[in-house]
Amino acid sequence: MANLNALQKTLRVRFKDSSLLEQALVHTSYLNENPHLVLSSNERLEFLGDAVLGFIIAVELYRRFPDISEGEMTKLRASVVRRDALAHVARAIRLGDYLFLGRGEEASGGRRKPANLARALEALIAAIFLDRGLAVTRGFILRLVGRELNKGTESDYKSRLQELLQAKQKSKPAYHVIAVAGPEHDRTFTVAVRVGGKVLGKGSGKSKKAAETKAARIALGRLNTSFTP
């Protein structure tokens, strides 16, 4: 089998049992051409990895976003664990370069196929979980998809606010930076979201997008309770 030290450096995870890492990368087509191989394909690991990934993302959403509903958490989790999103993450760490493929699968572009990449990533998550435990697995997953969680929530709060305002008032929210504090390398932005000159919410964050997200979240809470257009 291939030397996987470079992959472990990229993952920032050192395996105690390297055979788990190897198994996570074995496509069924490789076994068909190498029946002597002791390892199994990555299909069973994929099954476990899917469950581990879903659990960790669900817990993170529950802890990170206390104001969103069950339906919203379901939507965000689905956006992170869908096949195309996982394949994108797998490409970013060049996981396809390490797959063990049969000659036919190799010739058909198997290292670039979204299904192969997504399945291998899920299998890899399971391998890390079995070898290093939940804490290391959580850190690995959040390093890869933490930014996607934030992006999904940013767009969700802001898009929901816009949809609600357009339905109630036929108007769009406008975001304005009203304060910037701190040194240039560690600034905090405060943003107000307005409609028709009325401030619906204010939020602060280390980036304009983060501040806009908080402002939109506060505005949504007010629109759903005391605000009357």
C-alpha atoms as a PDB file:
ATOM      1  CA  MET A   1       0.000   0.000   0.000  1.00  0.00           C
ATOM      2  CA  ALA A   2       1.054   3.606  -0.496  1.00  0.00           C
ATOM      3  CA  ASN A   3       2.946   5.709   2.027  1.00  0.00           C
ATOM      4  CA  LEU A   4       0.289   7.882   3.625  1.00  0.00           C
ATOM      5  CA  ASN A   5       2.493  10.112   5.778  1.00  0.00           C
ATOM      6  CA  ALA A   6       1.859  13.112   3.560  1.00  0.00           C
ATOM      7  CA  LEU A   7      -1.898  12.641   3.864  1.00  0.00           C
ATOM      8  CA  GLN A   8      -1.683  12.409   7.656  1.00  0.00           C
ATOM      9  CA  LYS A   9       0.234  15.692   7.717  1.00  0.00           C
ATOM     10  CA  THR A  10      -2.486  17.318   5.610  1.00  0.00           C
ATOM     11  CA  LEU A  11      -5.192  15.919   7.877  1.00  0.00           C
ATOM     12  CA  ARG A  12      -3.242  16.945  11.002  1.00  0.00           C
ATOM     13  CA  VAL A  13      -4.157  13.554  12.397  1.00  0.00           C
ATOM     14  CA  ARG A  14      -1.594  10.831  13.148  1.00  0.00           C
ATOM     15  CA  PHE A  15      -3.090   7.341  13.092  1.00  0.00           C
ATOM     16  CA  LYS A  16      -2.166   4.758  15.692  1.00  0.00           C
ATOM     17  CA  ASP A  17      -3.467   1.984  13.413  1.00  0.00           C
ATOM     18  CA  SER A  18      -2.560   2.928   9.839  1.00  0.00           C
ATOM     19  CA  SER A  19      -4.606   0.036   8.465  1.00  0.00           C
ATOM     20  CA  LEU A  20      -7.776   1.989   9.303  1.00  0.00           C
ATOM     21  CA  LEU A  21      -6.570   4.878   7.167  1.00  0.00           C
ATOM     22  CA  GLU A  22      -5.728   2.505   4.332  1.00  0.00           C
ATOM     23  CA  GLN A  23      -9.125   0.838   4.515  1.00  0.00           C
ATOM     24  CA  ALA A  24     -10.871   4.217   4.306  1.00  0.00           C
ATOM     25  CA  LEU A  25      -9.241   4.728   0.909  1.00  0.00           C
ATOM     26  CA  VAL A  26      -9.979   1.322  -0.644  1.00  0.00           C
ATOM     27  CA  HIS A  27     -12.597   1.421  -3.394  1.00  0.00           C
ATOM     28  CA  THR A  28     -14.439  -1.815  -4.199  1.00  0.00           C
ATOM     29  CA  SER A  29     -12.950  -1.809  -7.702  1.00  0.00           C
ATOM     30  CA  TYR A  30      -9.466  -2.194  -6.212  1.00  0.00           C
ATOM     31  CA  LEU A  31     -10.497  -5.291  -4.270  1.00  0.00           C
ATOM     32  CA  ASN A  32     -11.909  -6.886  -7.421  1.00  0.00           C
ATOM     33  CA  GLU A  33      -8.447  -6.731  -8.973  1.00  0.00           C
ATOM     34  CA  ASN A  34      -6.552  -7.544  -5.779  1.00  0.00           C
ATOM     35  CA  PRO A  35      -8.433 -10.425  -4.118  1.00  0.00           C
ATOM     36  CA  HIS A  36      -5.410 -11.230  -1.956  1.00  0.00           C
ATOM     37  CA  LEU A  37      -5.762  -7.950  -0.063  1.00  0.00           C
ATOM     38  CA  VAL A  38      -6.428  -8.445   3.641  1.00  0.00           C
ATOM     39  CA  LEU A  39      -8.307  -5.158   4.021  1.00  0.00           C
ATOM     40  CA  SER A  40     -11.974  -4.670   3.173  1.00  0.00           C
ATOM     41  CA  SER A  41     -13.388  -1.846   1.052  1.00  0.00           C
ATOM     42  CA  ASN A  42     -14.341   1.457   2.660  1.00  0.00           C
ATOM     43  CA  GLU A  43     -18.099   0.803   2.472  1.00  0.00           C
ATOM     44  CA  ARG A  44     -18.606  -0.190   6.129  1.00  0.00           C
ATOM     45  CA  LEU A  45     -16.490   2.739   7.274  1.00  0.00           C
ATOM     46  CA  GLU A  46     -18.539   5.010   5.031  1.00  0.00           C
ATOM     47  CA  PHE A  47     -21.719   3.890   6.801  1.00  0.00           C
ATOM     48  CA  LEU A  48     -20.259   4.687  10.215  1.00  0.00           C
ATOM     49  CA  GLY A  49     -18.681   7.936   9.061  1.00  0.00           C
ATOM     50  CA  ASP A  50     -21.996   9.226   7.757  1.00  0.00           C
ATOM     51  CA  ALA A  51     -23.541   8.729  11.212  1.00  0.00           C
ATOM     52  CA  VAL A  52     -20.566  10.267  13.062  1.00  0.00           C
ATOM     53  CA  LEU A  53     -20.503  13.293  10.766  1.00  0.00           C
ATOM     54  CA  GLY A  54     -24.237  13.874  11.136  1.00  0.00           C
ATOM     55  CA  PHE A  55     -24.013  13.606  14.921  1.00  0.00           C
ATOM     56  CA  ILE A  56     -21.093  16.023  15.274  1.00  0.00           C
ATOM     57  CA  ILE A  57     -22.664  18.588  12.950  1.00  0.00           C
ATOM     58  CA  ALA A  58     -25.997  18.318  14.798  1.00  0.00           C
ATOM     59  CA  VAL A  59     -24.339  18.904  18.180  1.00  0.00           C
ATOM     60  CA  GLU A  60     -22.357  21.849  16.806  1.00  0.00           C
ATOM     61  CA  LEU A  61     -25.462  23.464  15.342  1.00  0.00           C
ATOM     62  CA  TYR A  62     -27.349  22.977  18.604  1.00  0.00           C
ATOM     63  CA  ARG A  63     -24.574  24.593  20.640  1.00  0.00           C
ATOM     64  CA  ARG A  64     -23.536  27.317  18.223  1.00  0.00           C
ATOM     65  CA  PHE A  65     -26.971  28.601  17.198  1.00  0.00           C
ATOM     66  CA  PRO A  66     -29.393  28.512  20.144  1.00  0.00           C
ATOM     67  CA  ASP A  67     -31.976  30.643  18.370  1.00  0.00           C
ATOM     68  CA  ILE A  68     -32.677  28.524  15.300  1.00  0.00           C
ATOM     69  CA  SER A  69     -35.456  25.963  15.031  1.00  0.00           C
ATOM     70  CA  GLU A  70     -35.272  22.209  14.499  1.00  0.00           C
ATOM     71  CA  GLY A  71     -36.237  22.673  10.865  1.00  0.00           C
ATOM     72  CA  GLU A  72     -33.517  25.263  10.335  1.00  0.00           C
ATOM     73  CA  MET A  73     -30.916  23.003  11.943  1.00  0.00           C
ATOM     74  CA  THR A  74     -32.012  20.159   9.676  1.00  0.00           C
ATOM     75  CA  LYS A  75     -31.630  22.389   6.630  1.00  0.00           C
ATOM     76  CA  LEU A  76     -28.158  23.565   7.655  1.00  0.00           C
ATOM     77  CA  ARG A  77     -26.964  20.055   8.461  1.00  0.00           C
ATOM     78  CA  ALA A  78     -28.161  18.834   5.082  1.00  0.00           C
ATOM     79  CA  SER A  79     -26.254  21.624   3.323  1.00  0.00           C
ATOM     80  CA  VAL A  80     -23.013  20.534   5.012  1.00  0.00           C
ATOM     81  CA  VAL A  81     -23.311  16.751   4.639  1.00  0.00           C
ATOM     82  CA  ARG A  82     -24.672  16.610   1.074  1.00  0.00           C
ATOM     83  CA  ARG A  83     -22.537  14.742  -1.439  1.00  0.00           C
ATOM     84  CA  ASP A  84     -21.317  17.762  -3.401  1.00  0.00           C
ATOM     85  CA  ALA A  85     -20.265  19.599  -0.242  1.00  0.00           C
ATOM     86  CA  LEU A  86     -18.304  16.590   1.009  1.00  0.00           C
ATOM     87  CA  ALA A  87     -16.687  16.103  -2.402  1.00  0.00           C
ATOM     88  CA  HIS A  88     -15.600  19.757  -2.351  1.00  0.00           C
ATOM     89  CA  VAL A  89     -13.954  19.251   1.043  1.00  0.00           C
ATOM     90  CA  ALA A  90     -12.290  16.052  -0.167  1.00  0.00           C
ATOM     91  CA  ARG A  91     -10.839  17.888  -3.163  1.00  0.00           C
ATOM     92  CA  ALA A  92      -9.459  20.604  -0.890  1.00  0.00           C
ATOM     93  CA  ILE A  93      -7.346  18.028   0.963  1.00  0.00           C
ATOM     94  CA  ARG A  94      -6.521  16.151  -2.282  1.00  0.00           C
ATOM     95  CA  LEU A  95      -8.073  12.974  -0.947  1.00  0.00           C
ATOM     96  CA  GLY A  96      -8.606  11.621  -4.453  1.00  0.00           C
ATOM     97  CA  ASP A  97      -4.834  11.364  -4.935  1.00  0.00           C
ATOM     98  CA  TYR A  98      -4.701   8.651  -2.281  1.00  0.00           C
ATOM     99  CA  LEU A  99      -7.613   6.438  -3.313  1.00  0.00           C
ATOM    100  CA  PHE A 100      -6.925   2.816  -4.168  1.00  0.00           C
ATOM    101  CA  LEU A 101      -8.841   2.229  -7.402  1.00  0.00           C
ATOM    102  CA  GLY A 102      -9.127  -0.540  -9.921  1.00  0.00           C
ATOM    103  CA  ARG A 103      -7.729   0.127 -13.407  1.00  0.00           C
ATOM    104  CA  GLY A 104     -11.167   0.611 -14.938  1.00  0.00           C
ATOM    105  CA  GLU A 105     -12.269   3.058 -12.250  1.00  0.00           C
ATOM    106  CA  GLU A 106      -8.963   4.898 -12.557  1.00  0.00           C
ATOM    107  CA  ALA A 107      -9.353   5.206 -16.329  1.00  0.00           C
ATOM    108  CA  SER A 108     -12.885   6.573 -15.972  1.00  0.00           C
ATOM    109  CA  GLY A 109     -11.761   9.467 -13.778  1.00  0.00           C
ATOM    110  CA  GLY A 110     -12.581   7.809 -10.462  1.00  0.00           C
ATOM    111  CA  ARG A 111     -10.305  10.098  -8.480  1.00  0.00           C
ATOM    112  CA  ARG A 112     -12.463  13.075  -9.447  1.00  0.00           C
ATOM    113  CA  LYS A 113     -15.930  11.532  -9.121  1.00  0.00           C
ATOM    114  CA  PRO A 114     -17.983  13.296  -6.417  1.00  0.00           C
ATOM    115  CA  ALA A 115     -19.480  10.009  -5.186  1.00  0.00           C
ATOM    116  CA  ASN A 116     -16.057   8.401  -4.672  1.00  0.00           C
ATOM    117  CA  LEU A 117     -14.687  11.491  -2.925  1.00  0.00           C
ATOM    118  CA  ALA A 118     -17.678  11.951  -0.621  1.00  0.00           C
ATOM    119  CA  ARG A 119     -17.705   8.283   0.350  1.00  0.00           C
ATOM    120  CA  ALA A 120     -13.976   8.265   1.020  1.00  0.00           C
ATOM    121  CA  LEU A 121     -14.292  11.343   3.233  1.00  0.00           C
ATOM    122  CA  GLU A 122     -17.056   9.711   5.272  1.00  0.00           C
ATOM    123  CA  ALA A 123     -14.949   6.560   5.572  1.00  0.00           C
ATOM    124  CA  LEU A 124     -11.989   8.677   6.657  1.00  0.00           C
ATOM    125  CA  ILE A 125     -14.103  10.300   9.383  1.00  0.00           C
ATOM    126  CA  ALA A 126     -15.049   6.846  10.672  1.00  0.00           C
ATOM    127  CA  ALA A 127     -11.416   5.736  10.612  1.00  0.00           C
ATOM    128  CA  ILE A 128     -10.369   8.766  12.666  1.00  0.00           C
ATOM    129  CA  PHE A 129     -13.234   8.143  15.099  1.00  0.00           C
ATOM    130  CA  LEU A 130     -12.270   4.496  15.625  1.00  0.00           C
ATOM    131  CA  ASP A 131      -8.569   5.254  15.909  1.00  0.00           C
ATOM    132  CA  ARG A 132      -8.473   8.536  17.838  1.00  0.00           C
ATOM    133  CA  GLY A 133     -11.886   9.020  19.418  1.00  0.00           C
ATOM    134  CA  LEU A 134     -14.642  11.612  19.330  1.00  0.00           C
ATOM    135  CA  ALA A 135     -12.689  14.722  20.374  1.00  0.00           C
ATOM    136  CA  VAL A 136     -10.070  14.368  17.623  1.00  0.00           C
ATOM    137  CA  THR A 137     -12.781  13.557  15.082  1.00  0.00           C
ATOM    138  CA  ARG A 138     -14.770  16.633  16.052  1.00  0.00           C
ATOM    139  CA  GLY A 139     -11.701  18.837  15.680  1.00  0.00           C
ATOM    140  CA  PHE A 140     -10.965  17.353  12.274  1.00  0.00           C
ATOM    141  CA  ILE A 141     -14.536  17.843  11.011  1.00  0.00           C
ATOM    142  CA  LEU A 142     -14.814  21.420  12.250  1.00  0.00           C
ATOM    143  CA  ARG A 143     -11.486  22.333  10.669  1.00  0.00           C
ATOM    144  CA  LEU A 144     -12.898  21.176   7.335  1.00  0.00           C
ATOM    145  CA  VAL A 145     -16.521  22.336   7.460  1.00  0.00           C
ATOM    146  CA  GLY A 146     -16.655  24.988  10.205  1.00  0.00           C
ATOM    147  CA  ARG A 147     -16.504  27.761   7.637  1.00  0.00           C
ATOM    148  CA  GLU A 148     -19.336  26.187   5.668  1.00  0.00           C
ATOM    149  CA  LEU A 149     -21.472  26.133   8.813  1.00  0.00           C
ATOM    150  CA  ASN A 150     -20.932  29.862   9.245  1.00  0.00           C
ATOM    151  CA  LYS A 151     -21.622  30.576   5.589  1.00  0.00           C
ATOM    152  CA  GLY A 152     -24.831  28.614   5.690  1.00  0.00           C
ATOM    153  CA  THR A 153     -26.044  30.434   8.758  1.00  0.00           C
ATOM    154  CA  GLU A 154     -25.046  33.856   7.437  1.00  0.00           C
ATOM    155  CA  SER A 155     -26.986  33.400   4.235  1.00  0.00           C
ATOM    156  CA  ASP A 156     -29.901  31.778   6.075  1.00  0.00           C
ATOM    157  CA  TYR A 157     -30.525  34.603   8.568  1.00  0.00           C
ATOM    158  CA  LYS A 158     -30.122  37.326   5.973  1.00  0.00           C
ATOM    159  CA  SER A 159     -32.199  35.601   3.322  1.00  0.00           C
ATOM    160  CA  ARG A 160     -34.978  34.834   5.817  1.00  0.00           C
ATOM    161  CA  LEU A 161     -35.053  38.464   6.924  1.00  0.00           C
ATOM    162  CA  GLN A 162     -35.274  39.671   3.346  1.00  0.00           C
ATOM    163  CA  GLU A 163     -38.042  37.205   2.508  1.00  0.00           C
ATOM    164  CA  LEU A 164     -40.041  38.211   5.577  1.00  0.00           C
ATOM    165  CA  LEU A 165     -39.702  41.947   4.909  1.00  0.00           C
ATOM    166  CA  GLN A 166     -40.633  41.597   1.276  1.00  0.00           C
ATOM    167  CA  ALA A 167     -43.706  39.615   2.249  1.00  0.00           C
ATOM    168  CA  LYS A 168     -44.764  42.182   4.881  1.00  0.00           C
ATOM    169  CA  GLN A 169     -43.609  45.463   3.415  1.00  0.00           C
ATOM    170  CA  LYS A 170     -42.411  44.848  -0.141  1.00  0.00           C
ATOM    171  CA  SER A 171     -39.048  46.290   0.900  1.00  0.00           C
ATOM    172  CA  LYS A 172     -35.486  45.078   1.353  1.00  0.00           C
ATOM    173  CA  PRO A 173     -33.261  45.427   4.429  1.00  0.00           C
ATOM    174  CA  ALA A 174     -30.195  47.656   4.238  1.00  0.00           C
ATOM    175  CA  TYR A 175     -27.036  47.001   6.261  1.00  0.00           C
ATOM    176  CA  HIS A 176     -24.803  49.859   7.465  1.00  0.00           C
ATOM    177  CA  VAL A 177     -21.572  49.809   9.464  1.00  0.00           C
ATOM    178  CA  ILE A 178     -22.177  52.201  12.352  1.00  0.00           C
ATOM    179  CA  ALA A 179     -18.986  51.627  14.359  1.00  0.00           C
ATOM    180  CA  VAL A 180     -15.519  50.117  14.062  1.00  0.00           C
ATOM    181  CA  ALA A 181     -13.448  49.506  17.199  1.00  0.00           C
ATOM    182  CA  GLY A 182     -10.028  48.080  17.964  1.00  0.00           C
ATOM    183  CA  PRO A 183      -6.664  48.041  16.161  1.00  0.00           C
ATOM    184  CA  GLU A 184      -6.481  47.234  12.464  1.00  0.00           C
ATOM    185  CA  HIS A 185      -5.441  43.610  13.039  1.00  0.00           C
ATOM    186  CA  ASP A 186      -8.245  42.960  15.557  1.00  0.00           C
ATOM    187  CA  ARG A 187     -11.229  45.091  14.636  1.00  0.00           C
ATOM    188  CA  THR A 188     -14.817  44.699  15.801  1.00  0.00           C
ATOM    189  CA  PHE A 189     -17.563  45.902  13.488  1.00  0.00           C
ATOM    190  CA  THR A 190     -21.038  46.994  14.550  1.00  0.00           C
ATOM    191  CA  VAL A 191     -23.727  46.894  11.900  1.00  0.00           C
ATOM    192  CA  ALA A 192     -27.313  48.132  11.925  1.00  0.00           C
ATOM    193  CA  VAL A 193     -29.966  46.687   9.652  1.00  0.00           C
ATOM    194  CA  ARG A 194     -32.652  49.133   8.609  1.00  0.00           C
ATOM    195  CA  VAL A 195     -35.804  49.200   6.564  1.00  0.00           C
ATOM    196  CA  GLY A 196     -37.501  52.459   5.676  1.00  0.00           C
ATOM    197  CA  GLY A 197     -35.174  54.330   8.025  1.00  0.00           C
ATOM    198  CA  LYS A 198     -36.167  52.165  11.016  1.00  0.00           C
ATOM    199  CA  VAL A 199     -33.425  50.191  12.773  1.00  0.00           C
ATOM    200  CA  LEU A 200     -34.555  46.600  13.237  1.00  0.00           C
ATOM    201  CA  GLY A 201     -31.413  45.217  14.795  1.00  0.00           C
ATOM    202  CA  LYS A 202     -27.746  45.784  15.572  1.00  0.00           C
ATOM    203  CA  GLY A 203     -24.944  43.252  15.738  1.00  0.00           C
ATOM    204  CA  SER A 204     -21.202  43.162  16.333  1.00  0.00           C
ATOM    205  CA  GLY A 205     -18.539  40.799  15.054  1.00  0.00           C
ATOM    206  CA  LYS A 206     -14.953  40.427  13.913  1.00  0.00           C
ATOM    207  CA  SER A 207     -16.041  40.819  10.292  1.00  0.00           C
ATOM    208  CA  LYS A 208     -18.759  42.784   8.541  1.00  0.00           C
ATOM    209  CA  LYS A 209     -20.484  39.553   7.526  1.00  0.00           C
ATOM    210  CA  ALA A 210     -20.537  38.263  11.101  1.00  0.00           C
ATOM    211  CA  ALA A 211     -21.962  41.571  12.334  1.00  0.00           C
ATOM    212  CA  GLU A 212     -24.606  41.569   9.596  1.00  0.00           C
ATOM    213  CA  THR A 213     -25.597  38.021  10.540  1.00  0.00           C
ATOM    214  CA  LYS A 214     -26.115  38.968  14.189  1.00  0.00           C
ATOM    215  CA  ALA A 215     -28.065  42.065  13.210  1.00  0.00           C
ATOM    216  CA  ALA A 216     -30.296  39.988  10.935  1.00  0.00           C
ATOM    217  CA  ARG A 217     -30.852  37.413  13.682  1.00  0.00           C
ATOM    218  CA  ILE A 218     -31.918  40.103  16.155  1.00  0.00           C
ATOM    219  CA  ALA A 219     -34.152  41.716  13.554  1.00  0.00           C
ATOM    220  CA  LEU A 220     -35.863  38.406  12.853  1.00  0.00           C
ATOM    221  CA  GLY A 221     -36.555  37.948  16.538  1.00  0.00           C
ATOM    222  CA  ARG A 222     -38.170  41.387  16.735  1.00  0.00           C
ATOM    223  CA  LEU A 223     -40.204  40.918  13.582  1.00  0.00           C
ATOM    224  CA  ASN A 224     -41.553  37.664  14.930  1.00  0.00           C
ATOM    225  CA  THR A 225     -42.532  39.253  18.263  1.00  0.00           C
ATOM    226  CA  SER A 226     -43.038  42.945  18.894  1.00  0.00           C
ATOM    227  CA  PHE A 227     -42.176  44.743  15.644  1.00  0.00           C
ATOM    228  CA  THR A 228     -45.161  45.947  13.656  1.00  0.00           C
ATOM    229  CA  PRO A 229     -44.470  47.239  10.151  1.00  0.00           C
END
